[in-house]
Amino acid sequence: MHPSEAEDLLRRALAVPRAATTDYDLDPGLPRPAGRELRPAAVLLAVDLTGPQARVILTKRSAHLRHHPGQIALPGGKIDGVEDAPACALREAHEEVGLPHAEVLGLYGPHETVTGFSVAAVLALVREPFIPRPEAGEVAEVFAVPLAHLARLDRYRVEGRRWQGRHRRYWVVPWGPYYIWGATARLLRGLAERMETARG
């Protein structure tokens, strides 16, 4: 997808109303922990417009991490103190991948994760080339996936596995050797759904 086409479509997609999503959407019968309070978090869905085609920046988490080792993720993390979602997402992207600047277009979500987070997706544009610097000990790899691939709903499928003694289903959107699944895939699909509607 050409960068100018992508920017126009992304701006229109943000105006599409959508309900909040949750990891429980595919398995409404799974019990939620009683009385839990969701912790706020934010991720940066950064669309790189500096090349011939628009691409989304993703990370592969270090295999040595305690939580979600080796998984594919959008840069992001817990919202600290008084910072808002865009500030959190931009800070985390700078720390995790060395992204110096991105133009925030807006937010969508939130998405409730099975691990107890309420995640806001911060959609942003990268207009200047940068050299990714994976955060030592946390990020094993930084890579980019064509937006055209992630924007196609037919690229997503539902898979499942046992989790805490129950069968749980989730979205996946593979790209080459990268297995993108779970909350990351659902947030990407959320954008794809909005883009599909915006196309008319």
C-alpha atoms as a PDB file:
ATOM      1  CA  MET A   1       0.000   0.000   0.000  1.00  0.00           C
ATOM      2  CA  HIS A   2       1.473   3.340  -1.078  1.00  0.00           C
ATOM      3  CA  PRO A   3       2.248   5.638   1.872  1.00  0.00           C
ATOM      4  CA  SER A   4      -0.080   8.429   0.713  1.00  0.00           C
ATOM      5  CA  GLU A   5      -2.956   5.981   0.236  1.00  0.00           C
ATOM      6  CA  ALA A   6      -2.221   4.469   3.630  1.00  0.00           C
ATOM      7  CA  GLU A   7      -2.243   7.804   5.440  1.00  0.00           C
ATOM      8  CA  ASP A   8      -5.582   8.814   3.934  1.00  0.00           C
ATOM      9  CA  LEU A   9      -7.168   5.464   4.730  1.00  0.00           C
ATOM     10  CA  LEU A  10      -5.815   5.401   8.291  1.00  0.00           C
ATOM     11  CA  ARG A  11      -7.215   8.849   9.025  1.00  0.00           C
ATOM     12  CA  ARG A  12     -10.635   7.776   7.777  1.00  0.00           C
ATOM     13  CA  ALA A  13     -10.407   4.477   9.657  1.00  0.00           C
ATOM     14  CA  LEU A  14      -9.960   6.253  12.985  1.00  0.00           C
ATOM     15  CA  ALA A  15     -13.340   7.913  12.485  1.00  0.00           C
ATOM     16  CA  VAL A  16     -15.096   4.533  12.232  1.00  0.00           C
ATOM     17  CA  PRO A  17     -16.948   3.760  15.485  1.00  0.00           C
ATOM     18  CA  ARG A  18     -16.215   0.357  16.975  1.00  0.00           C
ATOM     19  CA  ALA A  19     -16.964  -1.255  20.308  1.00  0.00           C
ATOM     20  CA  ALA A  20     -14.155  -2.105  22.694  1.00  0.00           C
ATOM     21  CA  THR A  21     -12.706  -5.593  22.284  1.00  0.00           C
ATOM     22  CA  THR A  22     -11.541  -8.268  24.685  1.00  0.00           C
ATOM     23  CA  ASP A  23      -9.580 -11.505  24.675  1.00  0.00           C
ATOM     24  CA  TYR A  24     -12.859 -13.095  25.765  1.00  0.00           C
ATOM     25  CA  ASP A  25     -14.744 -12.172  22.550  1.00  0.00           C
ATOM     26  CA  LEU A  26     -14.096 -15.578  20.972  1.00  0.00           C
ATOM     27  CA  ASP A  27     -14.764 -17.420  24.240  1.00  0.00           C
ATOM     28  CA  PRO A  28     -17.552 -15.564  26.065  1.00  0.00           C
ATOM     29  CA  GLY A  29     -18.045 -18.546  28.375  1.00  0.00           C
ATOM     30  CA  LEU A  30     -14.591 -18.289  29.923  1.00  0.00           C
ATOM     31  CA  PRO A  31     -14.879 -16.944  33.480  1.00  0.00           C
ATOM     32  CA  ARG A  32     -13.248 -13.636  34.330  1.00  0.00           C
ATOM     33  CA  PRO A  33     -11.518 -13.347  37.715  1.00  0.00           C
ATOM     34  CA  ALA A  34     -13.985 -11.909  40.198  1.00  0.00           C
ATOM     35  CA  GLY A  35     -13.430  -8.295  41.182  1.00  0.00           C
ATOM     36  CA  ARG A  36     -10.311  -7.721  39.135  1.00  0.00           C
ATOM     37  CA  GLU A  37      -9.379  -4.186  38.143  1.00  0.00           C
ATOM     38  CA  LEU A  38      -7.846  -3.763  34.712  1.00  0.00           C
ATOM     39  CA  ARG A  39      -4.468  -2.033  34.601  1.00  0.00           C
ATOM     40  CA  PRO A  40      -4.084   0.668  31.919  1.00  0.00           C
ATOM     41  CA  ALA A  41      -1.529   0.096  29.174  1.00  0.00           C
ATOM     42  CA  ALA A  42      -0.776   1.456  25.720  1.00  0.00           C
ATOM     43  CA  VAL A  43       0.913   0.215  22.559  1.00  0.00           C
ATOM     44  CA  LEU A  44       2.184   2.153  19.566  1.00  0.00           C
ATOM     45  CA  LEU A  45       0.887   1.015  16.206  1.00  0.00           C
ATOM     46  CA  ALA A  46       3.516   2.887  14.228  1.00  0.00           C
ATOM     47  CA  VAL A  47       3.085   2.926  10.455  1.00  0.00           C
ATOM     48  CA  ASP A  48       6.372   3.610   8.676  1.00  0.00           C
ATOM     49  CA  LEU A  49       5.761   5.752   5.589  1.00  0.00           C
ATOM     50  CA  THR A  50       9.421   6.217   4.631  1.00  0.00           C
ATOM     51  CA  GLY A  51       9.649   3.421   2.055  1.00  0.00           C
ATOM     52  CA  PRO A  52       7.785   2.516  -1.133  1.00  0.00           C
ATOM     53  CA  GLN A  53       5.056   0.794   0.891  1.00  0.00           C
ATOM     54  CA  ALA A  54       3.570   1.498   4.313  1.00  0.00           C
ATOM     55  CA  ARG A  55       4.751  -0.927   6.999  1.00  0.00           C
ATOM     56  CA  VAL A  56       3.861  -1.561  10.655  1.00  0.00           C
ATOM     57  CA  ILE A  57       6.702  -1.769  13.179  1.00  0.00           C
ATOM     58  CA  LEU A  58       6.650  -4.842  15.436  1.00  0.00           C
ATOM     59  CA  THR A  59       9.009  -6.461  17.914  1.00  0.00           C
ATOM     60  CA  LYS A  60       9.961  -9.974  18.902  1.00  0.00           C
ATOM     61  CA  ARG A  61      10.314 -10.123  22.653  1.00  0.00           C
ATOM     62  CA  SER A  62      13.425 -11.606  24.221  1.00  0.00           C
ATOM     63  CA  ALA A  63      13.261 -15.323  24.976  1.00  0.00           C
ATOM     64  CA  HIS A  64      14.575 -14.582  28.475  1.00  0.00           C
ATOM     65  CA  LEU A  65      11.658 -12.397  29.595  1.00  0.00           C
ATOM     66  CA  ARG A  66       9.418 -13.614  32.393  1.00  0.00           C
ATOM     67  CA  HIS A  67       6.203 -12.554  30.647  1.00  0.00           C
ATOM     68  CA  HIS A  68       5.391 -13.440  27.015  1.00  0.00           C
ATOM     69  CA  PRO A  69       8.939 -14.538  26.057  1.00  0.00           C
ATOM     70  CA  GLY A  70       9.605 -14.751  22.337  1.00  0.00           C
ATOM     71  CA  GLN A  71       6.199 -13.398  21.370  1.00  0.00           C
ATOM     72  CA  ILE A  72       5.501 -10.787  18.709  1.00  0.00           C
ATOM     73  CA  ALA A  73       4.313  -7.467  20.100  1.00  0.00           C
ATOM     74  CA  LEU A  74       3.687  -3.835  19.361  1.00  0.00           C
ATOM     75  CA  PRO A  75       5.980  -1.506  21.329  1.00  0.00           C
ATOM     76  CA  GLY A  76       4.259  -0.526  24.561  1.00  0.00           C
ATOM     77  CA  GLY A  77       3.689  -1.160  28.217  1.00  0.00           C
ATOM     78  CA  LYS A  78       1.956  -0.118  31.410  1.00  0.00           C
ATOM     79  CA  ILE A  79       0.895   3.506  31.764  1.00  0.00           C
ATOM     80  CA  ASP A  80       2.910   5.048  34.586  1.00  0.00           C
ATOM     81  CA  GLY A  81       1.624   7.739  36.919  1.00  0.00           C
ATOM     82  CA  VAL A  82       0.006  10.716  35.235  1.00  0.00           C
ATOM     83  CA  GLU A  83       1.150  10.068  31.647  1.00  0.00           C
ATOM     84  CA  ASP A  84      -1.527   9.495  29.027  1.00  0.00           C
ATOM     85  CA  ALA A  85      -1.701   6.686  26.477  1.00  0.00           C
ATOM     86  CA  PRO A  86       0.132   8.506  23.642  1.00  0.00           C
ATOM     87  CA  ALA A  87       2.957   9.577  25.963  1.00  0.00           C
ATOM     88  CA  CYS A  88       3.297   6.022  27.279  1.00  0.00           C
ATOM     89  CA  ALA A  89       3.303   4.445  23.817  1.00  0.00           C
ATOM     90  CA  LEU A  90       5.837   6.926  22.433  1.00  0.00           C
ATOM     91  CA  ARG A  91       8.101   6.518  25.474  1.00  0.00           C
ATOM     92  CA  GLU A  92       8.000   2.732  25.236  1.00  0.00           C
ATOM     93  CA  ALA A  93       8.676   2.796  21.483  1.00  0.00           C
ATOM     94  CA  HIS A  94      11.695   5.017  22.052  1.00  0.00           C
ATOM     95  CA  GLU A  95      13.008   2.657  24.741  1.00  0.00           C
ATOM     96  CA  GLU A  96      12.221  -0.618  22.961  1.00  0.00           C
ATOM     97  CA  VAL A  97      13.090   0.135  19.330  1.00  0.00           C
ATOM     98  CA  GLY A  98      14.858   3.519  19.369  1.00  0.00           C
ATOM     99  CA  LEU A  99      12.059   5.342  17.549  1.00  0.00           C
ATOM    100  CA  PRO A 100      12.887   9.051  17.985  1.00  0.00           C
ATOM    101  CA  HIS A 101       9.591  10.528  16.813  1.00  0.00           C
ATOM    102  CA  ALA A 102       6.163   9.596  15.474  1.00  0.00           C
ATOM    103  CA  GLU A 103       3.127  11.675  14.564  1.00  0.00           C
ATOM    104  CA  VAL A 104       0.145  10.525  16.613  1.00  0.00           C
ATOM    105  CA  LEU A 105      -3.080  10.306  14.603  1.00  0.00           C
ATOM    106  CA  GLY A 106      -5.321   9.097  17.414  1.00  0.00           C
ATOM    107  CA  LEU A 107      -6.341   6.178  19.582  1.00  0.00           C
ATOM    108  CA  TYR A 108      -8.645   3.197  19.253  1.00  0.00           C
ATOM    109  CA  GLY A 109      -9.697   0.409  21.586  1.00  0.00           C
ATOM    110  CA  PRO A 110      -9.399  -0.256  24.416  1.00  0.00           C
ATOM    111  CA  HIS A 111      -8.741  -3.978  24.338  1.00  0.00           C
ATOM    112  CA  GLU A 112      -9.066  -6.097  27.487  1.00  0.00           C
ATOM    113  CA  THR A 113      -6.426  -8.795  27.774  1.00  0.00           C
ATOM    114  CA  VAL A 114      -6.807 -12.086  29.577  1.00  0.00           C
ATOM    115  CA  THR A 115      -3.809 -11.035  31.689  1.00  0.00           C
ATOM    116  CA  GLY A 116      -5.710  -8.086  33.165  1.00  0.00           C
ATOM    117  CA  PHE A 117      -4.745  -5.055  31.084  1.00  0.00           C
ATOM    118  CA  SER A 118      -6.879  -2.474  29.303  1.00  0.00           C
ATOM    119  CA  VAL A 119      -4.772  -1.629  26.266  1.00  0.00           C
ATOM    120  CA  ALA A 120      -5.181   1.522  24.192  1.00  0.00           C
ATOM    121  CA  ALA A 121      -3.775   1.371  20.659  1.00  0.00           C
ATOM    122  CA  VAL A 122      -2.048   4.608  19.654  1.00  0.00           C
ATOM    123  CA  LEU A 123      -1.971   4.945  15.867  1.00  0.00           C
ATOM    124  CA  ALA A 124       0.993   6.971  14.635  1.00  0.00           C
ATOM    125  CA  LEU A 125       2.937   7.748  11.471  1.00  0.00           C
ATOM    126  CA  VAL A 126       6.705   7.551  11.039  1.00  0.00           C
ATOM    127  CA  ARG A 127       7.796  10.064   8.401  1.00  0.00           C
ATOM    128  CA  GLU A 128      11.579  10.060   8.859  1.00  0.00           C
ATOM    129  CA  PRO A 129      13.866   7.036   8.410  1.00  0.00           C
ATOM    130  CA  PHE A 130      15.451   5.690  11.576  1.00  0.00           C
ATOM    131  CA  ILE A 131      17.749   2.819  12.479  1.00  0.00           C
ATOM    132  CA  PRO A 132      15.987   0.463  14.926  1.00  0.00           C
ATOM    133  CA  ARG A 133      17.853  -0.195  18.174  1.00  0.00           C
ATOM    134  CA  PRO A 134      16.340  -3.186  20.008  1.00  0.00           C
ATOM    135  CA  GLU A 135      16.369  -2.677  23.771  1.00  0.00           C
ATOM    136  CA  ALA A 136      18.970  -5.028  25.216  1.00  0.00           C
ATOM    137  CA  GLY A 137      17.481  -7.819  27.286  1.00  0.00           C
ATOM    138  CA  GLU A 138      13.895  -7.027  26.311  1.00  0.00           C
ATOM    139  CA  VAL A 139      13.642  -6.961  22.516  1.00  0.00           C
ATOM    140  CA  ALA A 140      15.255  -9.674  20.409  1.00  0.00           C
ATOM    141  CA  GLU A 141      14.308  -8.216  17.031  1.00  0.00           C
ATOM    142  CA  VAL A 142      12.591  -5.258  15.388  1.00  0.00           C
ATOM    143  CA  PHE A 143      10.880  -5.882  12.054  1.00  0.00           C
ATOM    144  CA  ALA A 144       8.130  -4.430   9.876  1.00  0.00           C
ATOM    145  CA  VAL A 145       5.132  -5.996   8.161  1.00  0.00           C
ATOM    146  CA  PRO A 146       3.449  -4.446   5.112  1.00  0.00           C
ATOM    147  CA  LEU A 147       0.271  -2.639   6.107  1.00  0.00           C
ATOM    148  CA  ALA A 148      -1.375  -4.128   3.012  1.00  0.00           C
ATOM    149  CA  HIS A 149      -0.971  -7.589   4.566  1.00  0.00           C
ATOM    150  CA  LEU A 150      -2.298  -6.607   7.993  1.00  0.00           C
ATOM    151  CA  ALA A 151      -5.215  -4.662   6.481  1.00  0.00           C
ATOM    152  CA  ARG A 152      -6.674  -7.761   4.781  1.00  0.00           C
ATOM    153  CA  LEU A 153      -9.221  -9.499   6.967  1.00  0.00           C
ATOM    154  CA  ASP A 154      -8.710 -12.758   5.074  1.00  0.00           C
ATOM    155  CA  ARG A 155      -5.158 -12.915   6.440  1.00  0.00           C
ATOM    156  CA  TYR A 156      -6.513 -13.495   9.955  1.00  0.00           C
ATOM    157  CA  ARG A 157      -7.680 -16.815  11.308  1.00  0.00           C
ATOM    158  CA  VAL A 158      -8.805 -18.246  14.635  1.00  0.00           C
ATOM    159  CA  GLU A 159      -6.696 -20.849  16.416  1.00  0.00           C
ATOM    160  CA  GLY A 160      -6.818 -22.283  19.919  1.00  0.00           C
ATOM    161  CA  ARG A 161      -4.917 -23.952  22.725  1.00  0.00           C
ATOM    162  CA  ARG A 162      -5.411 -24.979  26.320  1.00  0.00           C
ATOM    163  CA  TRP A 163      -4.786 -22.211  28.854  1.00  0.00           C
ATOM    164  CA  GLN A 164      -5.231 -22.620  32.610  1.00  0.00           C
ATOM    165  CA  GLY A 165      -7.090 -25.873  32.047  1.00  0.00           C
ATOM    166  CA  ARG A 166      -9.512 -24.501  29.447  1.00  0.00           C
ATOM    167  CA  HIS A 167      -9.557 -24.319  25.675  1.00  0.00           C
ATOM    168  CA  ARG A 168      -9.050 -20.739  24.586  1.00  0.00           C
ATOM    169  CA  ARG A 169      -9.380 -19.323  21.057  1.00  0.00           C
ATOM    170  CA  TYR A 170      -7.549 -16.301  19.659  1.00  0.00           C
ATOM    171  CA  TRP A 171      -6.738 -14.472  16.424  1.00  0.00           C
ATOM    172  CA  VAL A 172      -3.518 -15.054  14.498  1.00  0.00           C
ATOM    173  CA  VAL A 173      -2.076 -13.212  11.484  1.00  0.00           C
ATOM    174  CA  PRO A 174       1.169 -14.935  10.437  1.00  0.00           C
ATOM    175  CA  TRP A 175       3.816 -13.140   8.392  1.00  0.00           C
ATOM    176  CA  GLY A 176       6.725 -15.196   7.063  1.00  0.00           C
ATOM    177  CA  PRO A 177       8.517 -16.720  10.073  1.00  0.00           C
ATOM    178  CA  TYR A 178       6.611 -14.514  12.521  1.00  0.00           C
ATOM    179  CA  TYR A 179       3.626 -15.928  14.395  1.00  0.00           C
ATOM    180  CA  ILE A 180       1.558 -12.891  15.377  1.00  0.00           C
ATOM    181  CA  TRP A 181      -1.231 -13.883  17.744  1.00  0.00           C
ATOM    182  CA  GLY A 182      -3.312 -13.005  20.783  1.00  0.00           C
ATOM    183  CA  ALA A 183      -3.896  -9.414  21.824  1.00  0.00           C
ATOM    184  CA  THR A 184      -1.421  -8.098  19.237  1.00  0.00           C
ATOM    185  CA  ALA A 185      -3.268  -9.826  16.399  1.00  0.00           C
ATOM    186  CA  ARG A 186      -6.620  -8.639  17.778  1.00  0.00           C
ATOM    187  CA  LEU A 187      -5.465  -5.016  17.919  1.00  0.00           C
ATOM    188  CA  LEU A 188      -4.161  -5.276  14.356  1.00  0.00           C
ATOM    189  CA  ARG A 189      -7.423  -6.854  13.234  1.00  0.00           C
ATOM    190  CA  GLY A 190      -9.303  -4.029  14.948  1.00  0.00           C
ATOM    191  CA  LEU A 191      -7.492  -1.576  12.703  1.00  0.00           C
ATOM    192  CA  ALA A 192      -8.111  -3.784   9.661  1.00  0.00           C
ATOM    193  CA  GLU A 193     -11.843  -3.828  10.430  1.00  0.00           C
ATOM    194  CA  ARG A 194     -11.919  -0.049  10.601  1.00  0.00           C
ATOM    195  CA  MET A 195      -9.961   0.240   7.357  1.00  0.00           C
ATOM    196  CA  GLU A 196     -12.351  -2.154   5.622  1.00  0.00           C
ATOM    197  CA  THR A 197     -15.320  -0.028   6.704  1.00  0.00           C
ATOM    198  CA  ALA A 198     -13.557   3.198   5.716  1.00  0.00           C
ATOM    199  CA  ARG A 199     -12.968   1.851   2.214  1.00  0.00           C
ATOM    200  CA  GLY A 200     -16.741   1.580   1.827  1.00  0.00           C
END
